[in-house]
Structures are given as structure tokens and as C-alpha cells.
C-alpha atoms as a PDB file:
ATOM      1  CA  MET A   1     125.225  96.519 102.813  1.00  0.00           C
ATOM      2  CA  LYS A   2     122.409  94.296 101.583  1.00  0.00           C
ATOM      3  CA  PHE A   3     119.969  96.508 103.423  1.00  0.00           C
ATOM      4  CA  LEU A   4     121.243  99.573 101.611  1.00  0.00           C
ATOM      5  CA  ILE A   5     121.019  97.820  98.241  1.00  0.00           C
ATOM      6  CA  TRP A   6     117.419  96.743  98.895  1.00  0.00           C
ATOM      7  CA  ALA A   7     116.531 100.209 100.140  1.00  0.00           C
ATOM      8  CA  LEU A   8     117.916 101.666  96.910  1.00  0.00           C
ATOM      9  CA  VAL A   9     115.988  99.158  94.796  1.00  0.00           C
ATOM     10  CA  ILE A  10     112.743  99.958  96.662  1.00  0.00           C
ATOM     11  CA  ALA A  11     113.337 103.706  96.284  1.00  0.00           C
ATOM     12  CA  ILE A  12     113.946 103.351  92.553  1.00  0.00           C
ATOM     13  CA  GLY A  13     110.851 101.176  92.203  1.00  0.00           C
ATOM     14  CA  CYS A  14     108.695 103.690  94.081  1.00  0.00           C
ATOM     15  CA  GLY A  15     110.012 106.499  91.891  1.00  0.00           C
ATOM     16  CA  ILE A  16     109.152 104.602  88.746  1.00  0.00           C
ATOM     17  CA  ALA A  17     105.669 103.797  90.069  1.00  0.00           C
ATOM     18  CA  VAL A  18     105.002 107.460  90.900  1.00  0.00           C
ATOM     19  CA  ARG A  19     106.167 108.545  87.449  1.00  0.00           C
ATOM     20  CA  LEU A  20     103.999 105.931  85.712  1.00  0.00           C
ATOM     21  CA  ARG A  21     100.941 106.988  87.743  1.00  0.00           C
ATOM     22  CA  GLY A  22     101.603 110.573  86.736  1.00  0.00           C
ATOM     23  CA  GLN A  23     101.900 109.639  83.066  1.00  0.00           C
ATOM     24  CA  SER A  24      98.692 107.575  83.263  1.00  0.00           C
ATOM     25  CA  ALA A  25      96.792 110.449  84.873  1.00  0.00           C
ATOM     26  CA  LYS A  26      98.042 112.853  82.214  1.00  0.00           C
ATOM     27  CA  ARG A  27      97.089 110.435  79.431  1.00  0.00           C
ATOM     28  CA  PHE A  28      93.542 110.064  80.805  1.00  0.00           C
ATOM     29  CA  ALA A  29      93.187 113.835  81.135  1.00  0.00           C
ATOM     30  CA  VAL A  30      94.141 114.272  77.477  1.00  0.00           C
ATOM     31  CA  ARG A  31      91.809 111.494  76.357  1.00  0.00           C
ATOM     32  CA  GLY A  32      88.943 112.984  78.343  1.00  0.00           C
ATOM     33  CA  ARG A  33      89.030 116.140  76.234  1.00  0.00           C
ATOM     34  CA  TYR A  34      88.639 114.300  72.937  1.00  0.00           C
ATOM     35  CA  PHE A  35      85.103 115.662  72.305  1.00  0.00           C
ATOM     36  CA  ALA A  36      85.774 119.135  73.768  1.00  0.00           C
ATOM     37  CA  ALA A  37      85.796 120.881  70.376  1.00  0.00           C
ATOM     38  CA  VAL A  38      82.588 119.245  69.071  1.00  0.00           C
ATOM     39  CA  GLU A  39      80.388 119.782  72.130  1.00  0.00           C
ATOM     40  CA  LYS A  40      79.275 123.127  70.679  1.00  0.00           C
ATOM     41  CA  LEU A  41      77.536 121.283  67.813  1.00  0.00           C
ATOM     42  CA  PHE A  42      75.004 119.749  70.250  1.00  0.00           C
ATOM     43  CA  ALA A  43      72.188 121.081  72.338  1.00  0.00           C
ATOM     44  CA  ALA A  44      72.620 120.274  76.038  1.00  0.00           C
ATOM     45  CA  PRO A  45      75.379 117.690  75.532  1.00  0.00           C
ATOM     46  CA  ILE A  46      75.961 115.115  78.256  1.00  0.00           C
ATOM     47  CA  VAL A  47      79.516 113.788  78.560  1.00  0.00           C
ATOM     48  CA  ALA A  48      80.741 110.861  80.650  1.00  0.00           C
ATOM     49  CA  LEU A  49      84.055 109.054  80.734  1.00  0.00           C
ATOM     50  CA  ALA A  50      84.394 105.431  79.664  1.00  0.00           C
ATOM     51  CA  PRO A  51      86.816 103.067  81.465  1.00  0.00           C
ATOM     52  CA  THR A  52      89.317 103.707  78.631  1.00  0.00           C
ATOM     53  CA  GLY A  53      89.469 107.371  79.665  1.00  0.00           C
ATOM     54  CA  PHE A  54      87.818 108.491  76.426  1.00  0.00           C
ATOM     55  CA  PRO A  55      84.525 110.399  76.667  1.00  0.00           C
ATOM     56  CA  ARG A  56      81.077 109.407  75.529  1.00  0.00           C
ATOM     57  CA  LEU A  57      78.774 112.209  74.416  1.00  0.00           C
ATOM     58  CA  SER A  58      75.013 112.335  74.025  1.00  0.00           C
ATOM     59  CA  GLY A  59      73.154 115.344  72.676  1.00  0.00           C
ATOM     60  CA  HIS A  60      70.812 116.753  70.061  1.00  0.00           C
ATOM     61  CA  TYR A  61      72.043 117.918  66.682  1.00  0.00           C
ATOM     62  CA  GLN A  62      69.376 119.433  64.393  1.00  0.00           C
ATOM     63  CA  ASP A  63      66.764 118.126  66.835  1.00  0.00           C
ATOM     64  CA  ALA A  64      67.947 114.507  66.495  1.00  0.00           C
ATOM     65  CA  LEU A  65      69.522 112.549  69.349  1.00  0.00           C
ATOM     66  CA  PHE A  66      73.075 111.378  68.710  1.00  0.00           C
ATOM     67  CA  ASP A  67      75.503 109.312  70.704  1.00  0.00           C
ATOM     68  CA  LEU A  68      79.286 109.508  70.194  1.00  0.00           C
ATOM     69  CA  GLN A  69      81.762 106.910  71.402  1.00  0.00           C
ATOM     70  CA  VAL A  70      85.459 106.277  70.883  1.00  0.00           C
ATOM     71  CA  VAL A  71      86.899 102.750  70.937  1.00  0.00           C
ATOM     72  CA  PRO A  72      90.659 102.126  70.908  1.00  0.00           C
ATOM     73  CA  ASP A  73      91.545  98.901  69.092  1.00  0.00           C
ATOM     74  CA  THR A  74      95.020  97.522  69.812  1.00  0.00           C
ATOM     75  CA  LEU A  75      94.276  93.858  69.173  1.00  0.00           C
ATOM     76  CA  THR A  76      93.988  93.628  65.381  1.00  0.00           C
ATOM     77  CA  TYR A  77      96.677  91.267  64.139  1.00  0.00           C
ATOM     78  CA  ARG A  78      99.298  92.754  61.846  1.00  0.00           C
ATOM     79  CA  LYS A  79      97.616  96.163  61.756  1.00  0.00           C
ATOM     80  CA  LEU A  80      98.427  99.443  63.438  1.00  0.00           C
ATOM     81  CA  PRO A  81      96.320 100.157  66.527  1.00  0.00           C
ATOM     82  CA  ALA A  82      93.278 102.196  65.573  1.00  0.00           C
ATOM     83  CA  LEU A  83      90.927 104.646  67.213  1.00  0.00           C
ATOM     84  CA  TRP A  84      87.356 104.087  66.055  1.00  0.00           C
ATOM     85  CA  LEU A  85      84.710 106.801  66.257  1.00  0.00           C
ATOM     86  CA  LEU A  86      81.148 105.479  66.617  1.00  0.00           C
ATOM     87  CA  VAL A  87      78.521 108.009  65.514  1.00  0.00           C
ATOM     88  CA  THR A  88      75.002 106.812  66.300  1.00  0.00           C
ATOM     89  CA  LEU A  89      71.662 108.382  65.450  1.00  0.00           C
ATOM     90  CA  ALA A  90      69.909 107.004  68.522  1.00  0.00           C
ATOM     91  CA  GLU A  91      66.288 107.263  67.422  1.00  0.00           C
ATOM     92  CA  PRO A  92      63.851 104.741  65.884  1.00  0.00           C
ATOM     93  CA  THR A  93      63.847 104.528  62.088  1.00  0.00           C
ATOM     94  CA  PRO A  94      61.396 103.095  59.526  1.00  0.00           C
ATOM     95  CA  ALA A  95      63.809 100.210  58.817  1.00  0.00           C
ATOM     96  CA  ARG A  96      62.152  96.838  59.355  1.00  0.00           C
ATOM     97  CA  ALA A  97      65.354  94.806  59.801  1.00  0.00           C
ATOM     98  CA  THR A  98      68.964  95.293  60.797  1.00  0.00           C
ATOM     99  CA  LEU A  99      71.484  95.566  57.972  1.00  0.00           C
ATOM    100  CA  ASP A 100      75.194  95.743  58.789  1.00  0.00           C
ATOM    101  CA  VAL A 101      77.771  96.609  56.126  1.00  0.00           C
ATOM    102  CA  MET A 102      81.320  95.930  57.367  1.00  0.00           C
ATOM    103  CA  LEU A 103      84.307  97.072  55.320  1.00  0.00           C
ATOM    104  CA  ARG A 104      87.530  95.092  55.543  1.00  0.00           C
ATOM    105  CA  PRO A 105      86.072  92.586  58.053  1.00  0.00           C
ATOM    106  CA  ARG A 106      88.555  90.685  60.206  1.00  0.00           C
ATOM    107  CA  GLY A 107      86.228  89.086  62.715  1.00  0.00           C
ATOM    108  CA  VAL A 108      87.790  90.847  65.676  1.00  0.00           C
ATOM    109  CA  GLU A 109      86.037  94.222  65.586  1.00  0.00           C
ATOM    110  CA  PRO A 110      85.575  95.133  69.292  1.00  0.00           C
ATOM    111  CA  PHE A 111      82.904  97.749  68.572  1.00  0.00           C
ATOM    112  CA  SER A 112      80.479  95.665  66.519  1.00  0.00           C
ATOM    113  CA  ASN A 113      77.788  92.962  66.785  1.00  0.00           C
ATOM    114  CA  PHE A 114      78.273  92.141  63.115  1.00  0.00           C
ATOM    115  CA  ARG A 115      79.101  88.482  63.699  1.00  0.00           C
ATOM    116  CA  ASP A 116      75.952  88.019  65.793  1.00  0.00           C
ATOM    117  CA  LEU A 117      73.610  88.709  62.863  1.00  0.00           C
ATOM    118  CA  ALA A 118      72.316  85.441  61.532  1.00  0.00           C
ATOM    119  CA  VAL A 119      72.420  85.797  57.756  1.00  0.00           C
ATOM    120  CA  GLN A 120      75.311  86.628  55.428  1.00  0.00           C
ATOM    121  CA  ILE A 121      74.190  88.453  52.283  1.00  0.00           C
ATOM    122  CA  ALA A 122      75.919  88.287  48.909  1.00  0.00           C
ATOM    123  CA  THR A 123      77.595  91.590  48.093  1.00  0.00           C
ATOM    124  CA  PRO A 124      75.498  93.460  45.497  1.00  0.00           C
ATOM    125  CA  ALA A 125      77.094  95.012  42.416  1.00  0.00           C
ATOM    126  CA  GLY A 126      78.668  98.399  43.056  1.00  0.00           C
ATOM    127  CA  PHE A 127      79.453  97.812  46.718  1.00  0.00           C
ATOM    128  CA  PRO A 128      83.079  97.911  47.894  1.00  0.00           C
ATOM    129  CA  GLU A 129      84.770  94.620  47.052  1.00  0.00           C
ATOM    130  CA  ASP A 130      86.236  94.289  50.531  1.00  0.00           C
ATOM    131  CA  CYS A 131      82.944  94.480  52.421  1.00  0.00           C
ATOM    132  CA  ALA A 132      80.673  91.907  54.000  1.00  0.00           C
ATOM    133  CA  ILE A 133      76.958  92.288  54.713  1.00  0.00           C
ATOM    134  CA  ARG A 134      74.852  90.594  57.364  1.00  0.00           C
ATOM    135  CA  SER A 135      71.229  90.940  58.489  1.00  0.00           C
ATOM    136  CA  ASP A 136      68.739  89.448  60.884  1.00  0.00           C
ATOM    137  CA  ALA A 137      66.003  89.435  58.211  1.00  0.00           C
ATOM    138  CA  PRO A 138      67.321  89.875  54.632  1.00  0.00           C
ATOM    139  CA  GLU A 139      63.856  89.812  53.069  1.00  0.00           C
ATOM    140  CA  ALA A 140      62.920  92.926  55.052  1.00  0.00           C
ATOM    141  CA  ALA A 141      66.229  94.769  54.758  1.00  0.00           C
ATOM    142  CA  VAL A 142      66.656  98.206  53.212  1.00  0.00           C
ATOM    143  CA  PRO A 143      67.069  98.043  49.393  1.00  0.00           C
ATOM    144  CA  ALA A 144      70.660  97.734  48.219  1.00  0.00           C
ATOM    145  CA  ALA A 145      70.322 100.747  45.907  1.00  0.00           C
ATOM    146  CA  LEU A 146      69.520 103.042  48.822  1.00  0.00           C
ATOM    147  CA  VAL A 147      72.445 101.707  50.864  1.00  0.00           C
ATOM    148  CA  LEU A 148      74.802 102.104  47.929  1.00  0.00           C
ATOM    149  CA  LYS A 149      73.657 105.689  47.419  1.00  0.00           C
ATOM    150  CA  HIS A 150      74.757 106.585  50.923  1.00  0.00           C
ATOM    151  CA  LEU A 151      77.935 104.535  50.876  1.00  0.00           C
ATOM    152  CA  ALA A 152      79.002 106.433  47.770  1.00  0.00           C
ATOM    153  CA  GLY A 153      78.999 109.682  49.721  1.00  0.00           C
ATOM    154  CA  LEU A 154      81.436 108.401  52.340  1.00  0.00           C
ATOM    155  CA  ASP A 155      85.187 107.889  52.201  1.00  0.00           C
ATOM    156  CA  ALA A 156      85.601 104.110  51.889  1.00  0.00           C
ATOM    157  CA  ASP A 157      89.153 104.307  53.266  1.00  0.00           C
ATOM    158  CA  LEU A 158      87.905 105.737  56.559  1.00  0.00           C
ATOM    159  CA  LEU A 159      84.478 104.104  56.814  1.00  0.00           C
ATOM    160  CA  LYS A 160      84.542 100.831  58.703  1.00  0.00           C
ATOM    161  CA  GLU A 161      80.869 100.025  59.303  1.00  0.00           C
ATOM    162  CA  LEU A 162      77.379 101.217  58.449  1.00  0.00           C
ATOM    163  CA  VAL A 163      74.485  99.877  60.528  1.00  0.00           C
ATOM    164  CA  ILE A 164      70.851 100.440  59.614  1.00  0.00           C
ATOM    165  CA  SER A 165      68.329  99.131  62.138  1.00  0.00           C
ATOM    166  CA  PRO A 166      64.847  99.885  63.472  1.00  0.00           C
ATOM    167  CA  LYS A 167      66.486 101.245  66.644  1.00  0.00           C
ATOM    168  CA  GLY A 168      68.831 103.688  64.939  1.00  0.00           C
ATOM    169  CA  LEU A 169      71.713 104.247  62.530  1.00  0.00           C
ATOM    170  CA  ARG A 170      75.457 104.045  63.058  1.00  0.00           C
ATOM    171  CA  LEU A 171      78.673 104.913  61.249  1.00  0.00           C
ATOM    172  CA  VAL A 172      82.012 103.578  62.509  1.00  0.00           C
ATOM    173  CA  TRP A 173      84.849 105.778  61.294  1.00  0.00           C
ATOM    174  CA  LEU A 174      88.623 105.510  61.477  1.00  0.00           C
ATOM    175  CA  ALA A 175      89.469 108.548  63.577  1.00  0.00           C
ATOM    176  CA  GLU A 176      93.194 107.820  63.952  1.00  0.00           C
ATOM    177  CA  GLU A 177      95.908 105.212  63.659  1.00  0.00           C
ATOM    178  CA  ALA A 178      98.908 104.902  65.962  1.00  0.00           C
ATOM    179  CA  ASP A 179     102.137 106.477  64.737  1.00  0.00           C
ATOM    180  CA  ARG A 180     103.870 103.694  62.805  1.00  0.00           C
ATOM    181  CA  THR A 181     107.418 104.581  63.813  1.00  0.00           C
ATOM    182  CA  ARG A 182     106.697 104.905  67.519  1.00  0.00           C
ATOM    183  CA  TYR A 183     104.544 101.797  67.542  1.00  0.00           C
ATOM    184  CA  LEU A 184     107.098  99.596  65.759  1.00  0.00           C
ATOM    185  CA  ALA A 185     110.016 100.920  67.812  1.00  0.00           C
ATOM    186  CA  PHE A 186     108.435 101.352  71.255  1.00  0.00           C
ATOM    187  CA  ARG A 187     104.990  99.727  71.011  1.00  0.00           C
ATOM    188  CA  ASP A 188     103.591 103.181  71.737  1.00  0.00           C
ATOM    189  CA  SER A 189      99.941 103.024  70.702  1.00  0.00           C
ATOM    190  CA  GLU A 190      98.701 106.218  72.384  1.00  0.00           C
ATOM    191  CA  MET A 191      96.042 107.977  70.279  1.00  0.00           C
ATOM    192  CA  GLY A 192      93.499 110.737  70.735  1.00  0.00           C
ATOM    193  CA  LYS A 193      95.943 113.446  71.772  1.00  0.00           C
ATOM    194  CA  THR A 194      94.253 115.940  69.438  1.00  0.00           C
ATOM    195  CA  PRO A 195      90.535 116.649  70.072  1.00  0.00           C
ATOM    196  CA  LEU A 196      88.116 115.680  67.340  1.00  0.00           C
ATOM    197  CA  ALA A 197      87.485 118.639  65.026  1.00  0.00           C
ATOM    198  CA  PRO A 198      83.899 119.720  64.213  1.00  0.00           C
ATOM    199  CA  ALA A 199      84.803 119.735  60.503  1.00  0.00           C
ATOM    200  CA  ARG A 200      85.474 115.990  60.731  1.00  0.00           C
ATOM    201  CA  LEU A 201      82.348 115.114  62.691  1.00  0.00           C
ATOM    202  CA  GLU A 202      79.656 117.288  61.154  1.00  0.00           C
ATOM    203  CA  PRO A 203      79.644 115.538  57.725  1.00  0.00           C
ATOM    204  CA  LEU A 204      79.038 112.211  59.504  1.00  0.00           C
ATOM    205  CA  LEU A 205      76.134 113.623  61.486  1.00  0.00           C
ATOM    206  CA  ASN A 206      74.616 115.019  58.282  1.00  0.00           C
ATOM    207  CA  ALA A 207      75.149 111.743  56.473  1.00  0.00           C
ATOM    208  CA  LEU A 208      73.100 109.870  59.048  1.00  0.00           C
ATOM    209  CA  LEU A 209      70.351 112.483  58.954  1.00  0.00           C
ATOM    210  CA  ALA A 210      70.204 112.195  55.148  1.00  0.00           C
ATOM    211  CA  LEU A 211      69.945 108.421  55.419  1.00  0.00           C
ATOM    212  CA  ARG A 212      67.183 108.721  57.992  1.00  0.00           C
ATOM    213  CA  ASP A 213      65.230 111.061  55.717  1.00  0.00           C
ATOM    214  CA  ASP A 214      65.552 108.660  52.768  1.00  0.00           C
ATOM    215  CA  LEU A 215      64.336 105.774  54.938  1.00  0.00           C
ATOM    216  CA  LYS A 216      61.187 107.771  55.673  1.00  0.00           C
ATOM    217  CA  GLU A 217      60.441 107.839  51.939  1.00  0.00           C
ATOM    218  CA  LEU A 218      60.441 104.059  51.590  1.00  0.00           C
ATOM    219  CA  PRO A 219      57.076 102.453  50.851  1.00  0.00           C
END
């Protein structure tokens, strides 16, 4: 009798394991298509999968090299899990120092090196009140007026970070938040089921190109 009970327990356990593996494979397949709709924006795009199952894309848009990444963030305390889109113009710029503007900083941003920059800068007038700014060389950083000009053209509710550095430019954007009801009830934090739309990405690509062009005009 005990043998039959244990055999039943093992069979149920194996069934659950097989079902979970199937669900995991399906979830990774869905995640892997997240950039499928925006690949057409780039010349000769190269796509690889990150350990999270989400893709990373590299390609040329208007003759400039861009890198796209997606970072799921499920660790932020008392906030819904978020899916962050990192849009990087991966080419040298005329900037002489790194300047990092972080909106709503919490100190646990998994996608950023913000806390590693040595100097905290006082927030200039006109900048979002809930932002923090750091640099590795404030005296050589891009003028605040130029940064503010480009921040003003972005949705502050979705923008998380703007990085200006000699190595390139980056926007970190809130692509998605977990469904509140499902997360609170079942701790379901699955995101990225719908591929990123070109209409959402293209304005961010153009914003970084415009910033690059303005940097070239600096004395």
C-alpha cells in the first residue's frame, strides 16, 4: 500500500515538473520575440538571447549603431515589477565626462552604474524634482541647459535614466509593469508578452540622435 502511495506521489510530481518545464519553455519563446516587430527598423540587425530569455539587438538605424536590451526588475521594494528597455547609441560622442540623470532613484536599479559615479550634482532649476544627477567629472560635464532641453522632449513618467558619456548615450525607459491584480493575487510578474512596437521605439532612437547632434555643436 505504501508503495502504491509513493508511486502515485512520484507520478504526480513528475507530471507537475513536465508541465512547469513546458510553461517555462513557452515563456522563453514568447520573451525571445520581444524585438521581432522592431528589427525592420535596423540595417543587418544581430539578435541574441540573454539568460533571462529576452533578446538583445544590435544594428544600425540611420547609419548609427544602436544596442537594445530588456531588463526585468522584480526586486524593487513596494513597487510593481517592471520591464526596463535600454536604448543605447553605442558610438563615441563629443562629451568629455559621464553625466547620469536618474529619475525616481531607489538605489537598487539593476541596469545602471549610477551609484558608481563619484560625484553627486545639485539638481539644476527646471529639472524633474524627483531626479538625482551624478558624474565622474562635473567640471567637464555637458551643460545643464542642453540636458534639460532633451529631457523636456521625453515623457518623465516613463523615462528612468539618461546617460551621456564619451562612449555613447543611453535612455532607460519603462516598457511595461506587471499586471497589478495578478501580481498581488498570484505573484505573477510575467511581462513582455506583447512585442515592442516600432512606434514606441523610434521616438527614443530619434531622441538620442538629436542629442548626439547637439553635442557635436558644443564648443
